PDB file of N, CA and C in Angstrom:
ATOM      1  N   MET A   1      45.478 -21.844  80.380  1.00  0.00           N
ATOM      2  CA  MET A   1      46.231 -22.554  79.357  1.00  0.00           C
ATOM      3  C   MET A   1      46.928 -21.546  78.446  1.00  0.00           C
ATOM      4  N   LEU A   2      48.162 -21.843  78.126  1.00  0.00           N
ATOM      5  CA  LEU A   2      48.923 -20.955  77.252  1.00  0.00           C
ATOM      6  C   LEU A   2      48.485 -21.138  75.809  1.00  0.00           C
ATOM      7  N   ILE A   3      48.329 -20.026  75.139  1.00  0.00           N
ATOM      8  CA  ILE A   3      48.030 -20.108  73.715  1.00  0.00           C
ATOM      9  C   ILE A   3      49.349 -20.223  72.957  1.00  0.00           C
ATOM     10  N   LEU A   4      49.272 -20.579  71.718  1.00  0.00           N
ATOM     11  CA  LEU A   4      50.461 -20.824  70.909  1.00  0.00           C
ATOM     12  C   LEU A   4      51.376 -19.600  70.876  1.00  0.00           C
ATOM     13  N   PHE A   5      50.798 -18.410  70.705  1.00  0.00           N
ATOM     14  CA  PHE A   5      51.627 -17.205  70.654  1.00  0.00           C
ATOM     15  C   PHE A   5      52.412 -17.018  71.945  1.00  0.00           C
ATOM     16  N   GLN A   6      51.749 -17.225  73.089  1.00  0.00           N
ATOM     17  CA  GLN A   6      52.431 -17.053  74.361  1.00  0.00           C
ATOM     18  C   GLN A   6      53.590 -18.034  74.489  1.00  0.00           C
ATOM     19  N   LEU A   7      53.371 -19.268  74.102  1.00  0.00           N
ATOM     20  CA  LEU A   7      54.422 -20.280  74.173  1.00  0.00           C
ATOM     21  C   LEU A   7      55.597 -19.919  73.270  1.00  0.00           C
ATOM     22  N   LEU A   8      55.300 -19.534  72.032  1.00  0.00           N
ATOM     23  CA  LEU A   8      56.374 -19.153  71.102  1.00  0.00           C
ATOM     24  C   LEU A   8      57.119 -17.918  71.592  1.00  0.00           C
ATOM     25  N   PHE A   9      56.395 -16.949  72.157  1.00  0.00           N
ATOM     26  CA  PHE A   9      57.038 -15.735  72.654  1.00  0.00           C
ATOM     27  C   PHE A   9      57.950 -16.046  73.835  1.00  0.00           C
ATOM     28  N   ILE A  10      57.514 -16.918  74.722  1.00  0.00           N
ATOM     29  CA  ILE A  10      58.346 -17.303  75.866  1.00  0.00           C
ATOM     30  C   ILE A  10      59.612 -17.997  75.384  1.00  0.00           C
ATOM     31  N   LEU A  11      59.484 -18.883  74.421  1.00  0.00           N
ATOM     32  CA  LEU A  11      60.664 -19.565  73.869  1.00  0.00           C
ATOM     33  C   LEU A  11      61.617 -18.572  73.216  1.00  0.00           C
ATOM     34  N   PHE A  12      61.061 -17.623  72.449  1.00  0.00           N
ATOM     35  CA  PHE A  12      61.906 -16.613  71.832  1.00  0.00           C
ATOM     36  C   PHE A  12      62.595 -15.754  72.888  1.00  0.00           C
ATOM     37  N   SER A  13      61.873 -15.400  73.946  1.00  0.00           N
ATOM     38  CA  SER A  13      62.442 -14.582  75.012  1.00  0.00           C
ATOM     39  C   SER A  13      63.576 -15.312  75.718  1.00  0.00           C
ATOM     40  N   LEU A  14      63.397 -16.602  75.955  1.00  0.00           N
ATOM     41  CA  LEU A  14      64.481 -17.394  76.557  1.00  0.00           C
ATOM     42  C   LEU A  14      65.703 -17.408  75.656  1.00  0.00           C
ATOM     43  N   PHE A  15      65.468 -17.569  74.352  1.00  0.00           N
ATOM     44  CA  PHE A  15      66.577 -17.506  73.384  1.00  0.00           C
ATOM     45  C   PHE A  15      67.268 -16.144  73.448  1.00  0.00           C
ATOM     46  N   ALA A  16      66.485 -15.067  73.538  1.00  0.00           N
ATOM     47  CA  ALA A  16      67.048 -13.719  73.589  1.00  0.00           C
ATOM     48  C   ALA A  16      67.864 -13.521  74.873  1.00  0.00           C
ATOM     49  N   ILE A  17      67.369 -14.013  76.003  1.00  0.00           N
ATOM     50  CA  ILE A  17      68.090 -13.877  77.275  1.00  0.00           C
ATOM     51  C   ILE A  17      69.389 -14.664  77.230  1.00  0.00           C
ATOM     52  N   ILE A  18      69.358 -15.859  76.674  1.00  0.00           N
ATOM     53  CA  ILE A  18      70.588 -16.649  76.525  1.00  0.00           C
ATOM     54  C   ILE A  18      71.575 -15.910  75.627  1.00  0.00           C
ATOM     55  N   SER A  19      71.076 -15.289  74.574  1.00  0.00           N
ATOM     56  CA  SER A  19      71.930 -14.519  73.673  1.00  0.00           C
ATOM     57  C   SER A  19      72.562 -13.326  74.391  1.00  0.00           C
ATOM     58  N   VAL A  20      71.794 -12.660  75.236  1.00  0.00           N
ATOM     59  CA  VAL A  20      72.314 -11.527  76.014  1.00  0.00           C
ATOM     60  C   VAL A  20      73.431 -12.000  76.941  1.00  0.00           C
ATOM     61  N   ILE A  21      73.214 -13.107  77.625  1.00  0.00           N
ATOM     62  CA  ILE A  21      74.236 -13.640  78.540  1.00  0.00           C
ATOM     63  C   ILE A  21      75.485 -14.029  77.770  1.00  0.00           C
ATOM     64  N   LYS A  22      75.310 -14.615  76.600  1.00  0.00           N
ATOM     65  CA  LYS A  22      76.447 -14.999  75.753  1.00  0.00           C
ATOM     66  C   LYS A  22      77.251 -13.758  75.341  1.00  0.00           C
ATOM     67  N   ARG A  23      76.556 -12.685  74.946  1.00  0.00           N
ATOM     68  CA  ARG A  23      77.240 -11.441  74.546  1.00  0.00           C
ATOM     69  C   ARG A  23      78.008 -10.841  75.724  1.00  0.00           C
ATOM     70  N   LYS A  24      77.442 -10.953  76.919  1.00  0.00           N
ATOM     71  CA  LYS A  24      78.119 -10.441  78.120  1.00  0.00           C
ATOM     72  C   LYS A  24      79.395 -11.230  78.374  1.00  0.00           C
ATOM     73  N   ARG A  25      79.315 -12.537  78.257  1.00  0.00           N
ATOM     74  CA  ARG A  25      80.500 -13.384  78.472  1.00  0.00           C
ATOM     75  C   ARG A  25      81.584 -13.119  77.439  1.00  0.00           C
ATOM     76  N   GLU A  26      81.169 -12.772  76.207  1.00  0.00           N
ATOM     77  CA  GLU A  26      82.129 -12.461  75.143  1.00  0.00           C
ATOM     78  C   GLU A  26      82.720 -11.065  75.302  1.00  0.00           C
ATOM     79  N   GLY A  27      82.194 -10.288  76.221  1.00  0.00           N
ATOM     80  CA  GLY A  27      82.681  -8.934  76.425  1.00  0.00           C
ATOM     81  C   GLY A  27      82.093  -7.921  75.462  1.00  0.00           C
ATOM     82  N   LEU A  28      81.050  -8.299  74.753  1.00  0.00           N
ATOM     83  CA  LEU A  28      80.418  -7.406  73.785  1.00  0.00           C
ATOM     84  C   LEU A  28      79.304  -6.562  74.395  1.00  0.00           C
ATOM     85  N   LEU A  29      78.971  -6.830  75.656  1.00  0.00           N
ATOM     86  CA  LEU A  29      77.880  -6.139  76.322  1.00  0.00           C
ATOM     87  C   LEU A  29      78.282  -5.863  77.764  1.00  0.00           C
ATOM     88  N   GLY A  30      78.064  -4.651  78.201  1.00  0.00           N
ATOM     89  CA  GLY A  30      78.402  -4.275  79.563  1.00  0.00           C
ATOM     90  C   GLY A  30      77.344  -4.733  80.551  1.00  0.00           C
ATOM     91  N   PRO A  31      77.637  -4.563  81.853  1.00  0.00           N
ATOM     92  CA  PRO A  31      76.670  -4.995  82.874  1.00  0.00           C
ATOM     93  C   PRO A  31      75.355  -4.237  82.815  1.00  0.00           C
ATOM     94  N   LYS A  32      75.398  -2.931  82.528  1.00  0.00           N
ATOM     95  CA  LYS A  32      74.156  -2.157  82.430  1.00  0.00           C
ATOM     96  C   LYS A  32      73.309  -2.641  81.269  1.00  0.00           C
ATOM     97  N   GLY A  33      73.945  -2.907  80.137  1.00  0.00           N
ATOM     98  CA  GLY A  33      73.229  -3.415  78.971  1.00  0.00           C
ATOM     99  C   GLY A  33      72.615  -4.768  79.238  1.00  0.00           C
ATOM    100  N   MET A  34      73.365  -5.627  79.931  1.00  0.00           N
ATOM    101  CA  MET A  34      72.847  -6.956  80.238  1.00  0.00           C
ATOM    102  C   MET A  34      71.615  -6.852  81.141  1.00  0.00           C
ATOM    103  N   ILE A  35      71.700  -6.028  82.175  1.00  0.00           N
ATOM    104  CA  ILE A  35      70.565  -5.865  83.087  1.00  0.00           C
ATOM    105  C   ILE A  35      69.359  -5.295  82.341  1.00  0.00           C
ATOM    106  N   PHE A  36      69.591  -4.286  81.496  1.00  0.00           N
ATOM    107  CA  PHE A  36      68.495  -3.693  80.736  1.00  0.00           C
ATOM    108  C   PHE A  36      67.794  -4.726  79.870  1.00  0.00           C
ATOM    109  N   TRP A  37      68.570  -5.479  79.077  1.00  0.00           N
ATOM    110  CA  TRP A  37      67.954  -6.403  78.123  1.00  0.00           C
ATOM    111  C   TRP A  37      67.307  -7.606  78.795  1.00  0.00           C
ATOM    112  N   ILE A  38      67.911  -8.120  79.852  1.00  0.00           N
ATOM    113  CA  ILE A  38      67.268  -9.222  80.565  1.00  0.00           C
ATOM    114  C   ILE A  38      65.979  -8.725  81.213  1.00  0.00           C
ATOM    115  N   GLY A  39      66.027  -7.533  81.810  1.00  0.00           N
ATOM    116  CA  GLY A  39      64.820  -6.947  82.388  1.00  0.00           C
ATOM    117  C   GLY A  39      63.750  -6.721  81.338  1.00  0.00           C
ATOM    118  N   PHE A  40      64.162  -6.236  80.170  1.00  0.00           N
ATOM    119  CA  PHE A  40      63.217  -6.011  79.072  1.00  0.00           C
ATOM    120  C   PHE A  40      62.506  -7.301  78.687  1.00  0.00           C
ATOM    121  N   TRP A  41      63.264  -8.370  78.486  1.00  0.00           N
ATOM    122  CA  TRP A  41      62.666  -9.627  78.030  1.00  0.00           C
ATOM    123  C   TRP A  41      61.812 -10.263  79.127  1.00  0.00           C
ATOM    124  N   LEU A  42      62.226 -10.133  80.391  1.00  0.00           N
ATOM    125  CA  LEU A  42      61.396 -10.663  81.474  1.00  0.00           C
ATOM    126  C   LEU A  42      60.084  -9.891  81.589  1.00  0.00           C
ATOM    127  N   LEU A  43      60.158  -8.565  81.456  1.00  0.00           N
ATOM    128  CA  LEU A  43      58.944  -7.754  81.481  1.00  0.00           C
ATOM    129  C   LEU A  43      58.030  -8.106  80.306  1.00  0.00           C
ATOM    130  N   ALA A  44      58.616  -8.328  79.141  1.00  0.00           N
ATOM    131  CA  ALA A  44      57.824  -8.711  77.968  1.00  0.00           C
ATOM    132  C   ALA A  44      57.108 -10.037  78.202  1.00  0.00           C
ATOM    133  N   VAL A  45      57.789 -10.986  78.832  1.00  0.00           N
ATOM    134  CA  VAL A  45      57.157 -12.275  79.128  1.00  0.00           C
ATOM    135  C   VAL A  45      55.993 -12.080  80.099  1.00  0.00           C
ATOM    136  N   ILE A  46      56.204 -11.256  81.130  1.00  0.00           N
ATOM    137  CA  ILE A  46      55.129 -10.992  82.098  1.00  0.00           C
ATOM    138  C   ILE A  46      53.918 -10.370  81.400  1.00  0.00           C
ATOM    139  N   LEU A  47      54.170  -9.405  80.513  1.00  0.00           N
ATOM    140  CA  LEU A  47      53.065  -8.756  79.811  1.00  0.00           C
ATOM    141  C   LEU A  47      52.343  -9.698  78.853  1.00  0.00           C
ATOM    142  N   VAL A  48      53.068 -10.644  78.272  1.00  0.00           N
ATOM    143  CA  VAL A  48      52.436 -11.605  77.371  1.00  0.00           C
ATOM    144  C   VAL A  48      51.633 -12.632  78.169  1.00  0.00           C
ATOM    145  N   LEU A  49      52.134 -13.014  79.338  1.00  0.00           N
ATOM    146  CA  LEU A  49      51.406 -13.991  80.149  1.00  0.00           C
ATOM    147  C   LEU A  49      50.168 -13.383  80.805  1.00  0.00           C
ATOM    148  N   TRP A  50      50.255 -12.107  81.200  1.00  0.00           N
ATOM    149  CA  TRP A  50      49.136 -11.423  81.845  1.00  0.00           C
ATOM    150  C   TRP A  50      48.834 -10.128  81.089  1.00  0.00           C
ATOM    151  N   PRO A  51      48.215 -10.235  79.919  1.00  0.00           N
ATOM    152  CA  PRO A  51      47.974  -9.050  79.090  1.00  0.00           C
ATOM    153  C   PRO A  51      47.022  -8.031  79.730  1.00  0.00           C
ATOM    154  N   ASN A  52      46.159  -8.455  80.628  1.00  0.00           N
ATOM    155  CA  ASN A  52      45.234  -7.526  81.279  1.00  0.00           C
ATOM    156  C   ASN A  52      45.942  -6.592  82.258  1.00  0.00           C
ATOM    157  N   SER A  53      47.150  -6.965  82.666  1.00  0.00           N
ATOM    158  CA  SER A  53      47.881  -6.116  83.613  1.00  0.00           C
ATOM    159  C   SER A  53      48.197  -4.748  83.004  1.00  0.00           C
ATOM    160  N   THR A  54      48.398  -4.693  81.701  1.00  0.00           N
ATOM    161  CA  THR A  54      48.668  -3.402  81.072  1.00  0.00           C
ATOM    162  C   THR A  54      47.442  -2.501  81.121  1.00  0.00           C
ATOM    163  N   GLY A  55      46.273  -3.091  81.031  1.00  0.00           N
ATOM    164  CA  GLY A  55      45.029  -2.319  81.116  1.00  0.00           C
ATOM    165  C   GLY A  55      44.849  -1.696  82.489  1.00  0.00           C
ATOM    166  N   VAL A  56      45.204  -2.431  83.523  1.00  0.00           N
ATOM    167  CA  VAL A  56      45.088  -1.917  84.892  1.00  0.00           C
ATOM    168  C   VAL A  56      46.010  -0.719  85.085  1.00  0.00           C
ATOM    169  N   VAL A  57      47.268  -0.862  84.655  1.00  0.00           N
ATOM    170  CA  VAL A  57      48.243   0.233  84.789  1.00  0.00           C
ATOM    171  C   VAL A  57      47.823   1.416  83.918  1.00  0.00           C
ATOM    172  N   ALA A  58      47.359   1.131  82.709  1.00  0.00           N
ATOM    173  CA  ALA A  58      46.927   2.203  81.802  1.00  0.00           C
ATOM    174  C   ALA A  58      45.773   2.990  82.403  1.00  0.00           C
ATOM    175  N   ASN A  59      44.794   2.311  82.966  1.00  0.00           N
ATOM    176  CA  ASN A  59      43.661   3.002  83.595  1.00  0.00           C
ATOM    177  C   ASN A  59      44.125   3.848  84.771  1.00  0.00           C
ATOM    178  N   TYR A  60      45.070   3.353  85.537  1.00  0.00           N
ATOM    179  CA  TYR A  60      45.608   4.113  86.672  1.00  0.00           C
ATOM    180  C   TYR A  60      46.275   5.401  86.190  1.00  0.00           C
ATOM    181  N   LEU A  61      46.941   5.320  85.034  1.00  0.00           N
ATOM    182  CA  LEU A  61      47.653   6.487  84.487  1.00  0.00           C
ATOM    183  C   LEU A  61      46.754   7.366  83.620  1.00  0.00           C
ATOM    184  N   GLY A  62      45.505   6.972  83.436  1.00  0.00           N
ATOM    185  CA  GLY A  62      44.581   7.777  82.646  1.00  0.00           C
ATOM    186  C   GLY A  62      44.658   7.533  81.152  1.00  0.00           C
ATOM    187  N   ILE A  63      45.217   6.394  80.773  1.00  0.00           N
ATOM    188  CA  ILE A  63      45.310   6.025  79.362  1.00  0.00           C
ATOM    189  C   ILE A  63      44.218   4.998  79.101  1.00  0.00           C
ATOM    190  N   GLY A  64      43.559   5.117  77.951  1.00  0.00           N
ATOM    191  CA  GLY A  64      42.389   4.301  77.666  1.00  0.00           C
ATOM    192  C   GLY A  64      42.624   2.808  77.640  1.00  0.00           C
ATOM    193  N   ARG A  65      43.632   2.362  76.904  1.00  0.00           N
ATOM    194  CA  ARG A  65      43.843   0.925  76.718  1.00  0.00           C
ATOM    195  C   ARG A  65      45.263   0.538  77.081  1.00  0.00           C
ATOM    196  N   GLY A  66      45.435  -0.706  77.475  1.00  0.00           N
ATOM    197  CA  GLY A  66      46.759  -1.223  77.803  1.00  0.00           C
ATOM    198  C   GLY A  66      47.683  -1.237  76.597  1.00  0.00           C
ATOM    199  N   ALA A  67      47.107  -1.510  75.428  1.00  0.00           N
ATOM    200  CA  ALA A  67      47.922  -1.530  74.203  1.00  0.00           C
ATOM    201  C   ALA A  67      48.489  -0.141  73.911  1.00  0.00           C
ATOM    202  N   ASP A  68      47.701   0.893  74.202  1.00  0.00           N
ATOM    203  CA  ASP A  68      48.204   2.260  74.011  1.00  0.00           C
ATOM    204  C   ASP A  68      49.367   2.544  74.948  1.00  0.00           C
ATOM    205  N   LEU A  69      49.250   2.087  76.193  1.00  0.00           N
ATOM    206  CA  LEU A  69      50.338   2.280  77.159  1.00  0.00           C
ATOM    207  C   LEU A  69      51.616   1.612  76.666  1.00  0.00           C
ATOM    208  N   VAL A  70      51.502   0.387  76.200  1.00  0.00           N
ATOM    209  CA  VAL A  70      52.671  -0.337  75.688  1.00  0.00           C
ATOM    210  C   VAL A  70      53.268   0.420  74.508  1.00  0.00           C
ATOM    211  N   PHE A  71      52.428   0.936  73.623  1.00  0.00           N
ATOM    212  CA  PHE A  71      52.896   1.686  72.463  1.00  0.00           C
ATOM    213  C   PHE A  71      53.642   2.950  72.893  1.00  0.00           C
ATOM    214  N   TYR A  72      53.060   3.717  73.822  1.00  0.00           N
ATOM    215  CA  TYR A  72      53.695   4.957  74.280  1.00  0.00           C
ATOM    216  C   TYR A  72      55.034   4.688  74.966  1.00  0.00           C
ATOM    217  N   VAL A  73      55.047   3.705  75.833  1.00  0.00           N
ATOM    218  CA  VAL A  73      56.299   3.377  76.536  1.00  0.00           C
ATOM    219  C   VAL A  73      57.344   2.889  75.540  1.00  0.00           C
ATOM    220  N   SER A  74      56.922   2.098  74.573  1.00  0.00           N
ATOM    221  CA  SER A  74      57.862   1.608  73.550  1.00  0.00           C
ATOM    222  C   SER A  74      58.474   2.761  72.767  1.00  0.00           C
ATOM    223  N   LEU A  75      57.653   3.728  72.385  1.00  0.00           N
ATOM    224  CA  LEU A  75      58.172   4.888  71.658  1.00  0.00           C
ATOM    225  C   LEU A  75      59.196   5.661  72.487  1.00  0.00           C
ATOM    226  N   VAL A  76      58.890   5.869  73.745  1.00  0.00           N
ATOM    227  CA  VAL A  76      59.816   6.595  74.622  1.00  0.00           C
ATOM    228  C   VAL A  76      61.141   5.847  74.729  1.00  0.00           C
ATOM    229  N   VAL A  77      61.085   4.543  74.941  1.00  0.00           N
ATOM    230  CA  VAL A  77      62.306   3.742  75.072  1.00  0.00           C
ATOM    231  C   VAL A  77      63.098   3.754  73.763  1.00  0.00           C
ATOM    232  N   ILE A  78      62.420   3.614  72.641  1.00  0.00           N
ATOM    233  CA  ILE A  78      63.115   3.624  71.343  1.00  0.00           C
ATOM    234  C   ILE A  78      63.810   4.960  71.100  1.00  0.00           C
ATOM    235  N   PHE A  79      63.106   6.065  71.360  1.00  0.00           N
ATOM    236  CA  PHE A  79      63.728   7.367  71.153  1.00  0.00           C
ATOM    237  C   PHE A  79      64.893   7.596  72.107  1.00  0.00           C
ATOM    238  N   TYR A  80      64.771   7.129  73.331  1.00  0.00           N
ATOM    239  CA  TYR A  80      65.881   7.258  74.279  1.00  0.00           C
ATOM    240  C   TYR A  80      67.096   6.463  73.802  1.00  0.00           C
ATOM    241  N   LEU A  81      66.868   5.230  73.350  1.00  0.00           N
ATOM    242  CA  LEU A  81      67.978   4.417  72.854  1.00  0.00           C
ATOM    243  C   LEU A  81      68.588   5.029  71.591  1.00  0.00           C
ATOM    244  N   LEU A  82      67.761   5.604  70.723  1.00  0.00           N
ATOM    245  CA  LEU A  82      68.299   6.287  69.537  1.00  0.00           C
ATOM    246  C   LEU A  82      69.150   7.492  69.930  1.00  0.00           C
ATOM    247  N   PHE A  83      68.703   8.230  70.941  1.00  0.00           N
ATOM    248  CA  PHE A  83      69.482   9.364  71.424  1.00  0.00           C
ATOM    249  C   PHE A  83      70.844   8.901  71.940  1.00  0.00           C
ATOM    250  N   LYS A  84      70.837   7.846  72.780  1.00  0.00           N
ATOM    251  CA  LYS A  84      72.100   7.331  73.312  1.00  0.00           C
ATOM    252  C   LYS A  84      73.009   6.831  72.192  1.00  0.00           C
ATOM    253  N   LEU A  85      72.424   6.174  71.198  1.00  0.00           N
ATOM    254  CA  LEU A  85      73.199   5.674  70.071  1.00  0.00           C
ATOM    255  C   LEU A  85      73.801   6.824  69.271  1.00  0.00           C
ATOM    256  N   ASN A  86      73.033   7.883  69.065  1.00  0.00           N
ATOM    257  CA  ASN A  86      73.519   9.047  68.343  1.00  0.00           C
ATOM    258  C   ASN A  86      74.682   9.707  69.083  1.00  0.00           C
ATOM    259  N   VAL A  87      74.561   9.853  70.394  1.00  0.00           N
ATOM    260  CA  VAL A  87      75.636  10.436  71.198  1.00  0.00           C
ATOM    261  C   VAL A  87      76.892   9.576  71.090  1.00  0.00           C
ATOM    262  N   LYS A  88      76.728   8.261  71.151  1.00  0.00           N
ATOM    263  CA  LYS A  88      77.867   7.346  71.055  1.00  0.00           C
ATOM    264  C   LYS A  88      78.533   7.439  69.679  1.00  0.00           C
ATOM    265  N   LEU A  89      77.729   7.524  68.620  1.00  0.00           N
ATOM    266  CA  LEU A  89      78.291   7.646  67.272  1.00  0.00           C
ATOM    267  C   LEU A  89      79.065   8.949  67.107  1.00  0.00           C
ATOM    268  N   GLU A  90      78.530  10.041  67.649  1.00  0.00           N
ATOM    269  CA  GLU A  90      79.239  11.323  67.595  1.00  0.00           C
ATOM    270  C   GLU A  90      80.574  11.224  68.319  1.00  0.00           C
ATOM    271  N   SER A  91      80.571  10.575  69.471  1.00  0.00           N
ATOM    272  CA  SER A  91      81.795  10.401  70.246  1.00  0.00           C
ATOM    273  C   SER A  91      82.812   9.557  69.481  1.00  0.00           C
ATOM    274  N   LEU A  92      82.341   8.482  68.857  1.00  0.00           N
ATOM    275  CA  LEU A  92      83.236   7.638  68.064  1.00  0.00           C
ATOM    276  C   LEU A  92      83.802   8.405  66.874  1.00  0.00           C
ATOM    277  N   GLY A  93      82.970   9.227  66.245  1.00  0.00           N
ATOM    278  CA  GLY A  93      83.439  10.045  65.124  1.00  0.00           C
ATOM    279  C   GLY A  93      84.550  10.993  65.548  1.00  0.00           C
ATOM    280  N   ARG A  94      84.389  11.628  66.707  1.00  0.00           N
ATOM    281  CA  ARG A  94      85.443  12.517  67.214  1.00  0.00           C
ATOM    282  C   ARG A  94      86.722  11.736  67.526  1.00  0.00           C
ATOM    283  N   ASP A  95      86.568  10.543  68.117  1.00  0.00           N
ATOM    284  CA  ASP A  95      87.739   9.727  68.431  1.00  0.00           C
ATOM    285  C   ASP A  95      88.482   9.299  67.172  1.00  0.00           C
ATOM    286  N   VAL A  96      87.747   8.903  66.146  1.00  0.00           N
ATOM    287  CA  VAL A  96      88.371   8.499  64.877  1.00  0.00           C
ATOM    288  C   VAL A  96      89.106   9.684  64.270  1.00  0.00           C
ATOM    289  N   THR A  97      88.506  10.859  64.312  1.00  0.00           N
ATOM    290  CA  THR A  97      89.151  12.060  63.775  1.00  0.00           C
ATOM    291  C   THR A  97      90.463  12.329  64.500  1.00  0.00           C
ATOM    292  N   LYS A  98      90.466  12.202  65.820  1.00  0.00           N
ATOM    293  CA  LYS A  98      91.693  12.428  66.597  1.00  0.00           C
ATOM    294  C   LYS A  98      92.780  11.428  66.226  1.00  0.00           C
ATOM    295  N   VAL A  99      92.411  10.162  66.080  1.00  0.00           N
ATOM    296  CA  VAL A  99      93.387   9.124  65.741  1.00  0.00           C
ATOM    297  C   VAL A  99      93.956   9.355  64.348  1.00  0.00           C
ATOM    298  N   VAL A 100      93.088   9.660  63.387  1.00  0.00           N
ATOM    299  CA  VAL A 100      93.540   9.890  62.011  1.00  0.00           C
ATOM    300  C   VAL A 100      94.441  11.114  61.956  1.00  0.00           C
ATOM    301  N   ARG A 101      94.069  12.173  62.670  1.00  0.00           N
ATOM    302  CA  ARG A 101      94.877  13.386  62.695  1.00  0.00           C
ATOM    303  C   ARG A 101      96.264  13.115  63.291  1.00  0.00           C
ATOM    304  N   ALA A 102      96.305  12.366  64.398  1.00  0.00           N
ATOM    305  CA  ALA A 102      97.586  12.042  65.035  1.00  0.00           C
ATOM    306  C   ALA A 102      98.446  11.172  64.123  1.00  0.00           C
ATOM    307  N   LYS A 103      97.826  10.202  63.469  1.00  0.00           N
ATOM    308  CA  LYS A 103      98.570   9.323  62.557  1.00  0.00           C
ATOM    309  C   LYS A 103      99.103  10.112  61.365  1.00  0.00           C
ATOM    310  N   SER A 104      98.314  11.042  60.862  1.00  0.00           N
ATOM    311  CA  SER A 104      98.740  11.871  59.741  1.00  0.00           C
ATOM    312  C   SER A 104      99.937  12.739  60.128  1.00  0.00           C
ATOM    313  N   LEU A 105      99.870  13.339  61.311  1.00  0.00           N
ATOM    314  CA  LEU A 105     101.010  14.158  61.776  1.00  0.00           C
ATOM    315  C   LEU A 105     102.237  13.298  61.985  1.00  0.00           C
ATOM    316  N   GLU A 106     102.048  12.083  62.476  1.00  0.00           N
ATOM    317  CA  GLU A 106     103.165  11.164  62.671  1.00  0.00           C
ATOM    318  C   GLU A 106     103.806  10.802  61.337  1.00  0.00           C
ATOM    319  N   ASN A 107     102.982  10.528  60.325  1.00  0.00           N
ATOM    320  CA  ASN A 107     103.492  10.209  58.990  1.00  0.00           C
ATOM    321  C   ASN A 107     104.229  11.399  58.385  1.00  0.00           C
ATOM    322  N   GLU A 108     103.716  12.601  58.612  1.00  0.00           N
ATOM    323  CA  GLU A 108     104.354  13.809  58.078  1.00  0.00           C
ATOM    324  C   GLU A 108     105.723  14.016  58.714  1.00  0.00           C
ATOM    325  N   LYS A 109     105.834  13.773  60.011  1.00  0.00           N
ATOM    326  CA  LYS A 109     107.117  13.904  60.700  1.00  0.00           C
ATOM    327  C   LYS A 109     108.117  12.884  60.155  1.00  0.00           C
ATOM    328  N   PHE A 110     107.628  11.646  59.895  1.00  0.00           N
ATOM    329  CA  PHE A 110     108.491  10.595  59.367  1.00  0.00           C
ATOM    330  C   PHE A 110     108.999  10.949  57.975  1.00  0.00           C
ATOM    331  N   LYS A 111     108.141  11.537  57.132  1.00  0.00           N
ATOM    332  CA  LYS A 111     108.531  11.943  55.791  1.00  0.00           C
ATOM    333  C   LYS A 111     109.590  13.043  55.860  1.00  0.00           C
ATOM    334  N   ASN A 112     109.435  13.982  56.764  1.00  0.00           N
ATOM    335  CA  ASN A 112     110.378  15.098  56.872  1.00  0.00           C
ATOM    336  C   ASN A 112     111.731  14.654  57.394  1.00  0.00           C
ATOM    337  N   GLN A 113     111.787  13.563  58.147  1.00  0.00           N
ATOM    338  CA  GLN A 113     113.062  13.085  58.671  1.00  0.00           C
ATOM    339  C   GLN A 113     113.868  12.364  57.599  1.00  0.00           C
ATOM    340  N   ASN A 114     113.219  11.832  56.588  1.00  0.00           N
ATOM    341  CA  ASN A 114     113.931  11.092  55.547  1.00  0.00           C
ATOM    342  C   ASN A 114     114.244  11.955  54.395  1.00  0.00           C
TER     343      ASN A 114
END
């Protein structure tokens, strides 16, 4: 029997998956992002429905508890996503600088012609 938390988590996960699909249709999310997030939410549902499965995998990997495994994997994923986000922000900053510089030179040329 599902406990209340499991039921609420499944409903929230379905809402999140629908939101991911909606963002993909709007063009706000690429195919890789869509696959990642749908996979993430499906995996989360599996782990919530069968919480002992994390303990089995954790023991196989030499980690004491399943909750520790989830914590470690979560940290790795968060830091990886932060790294990717940082790289993207740096790239956007360089692109903005190039556009502003080009626009400034264009304005300067226009001023000199008049």
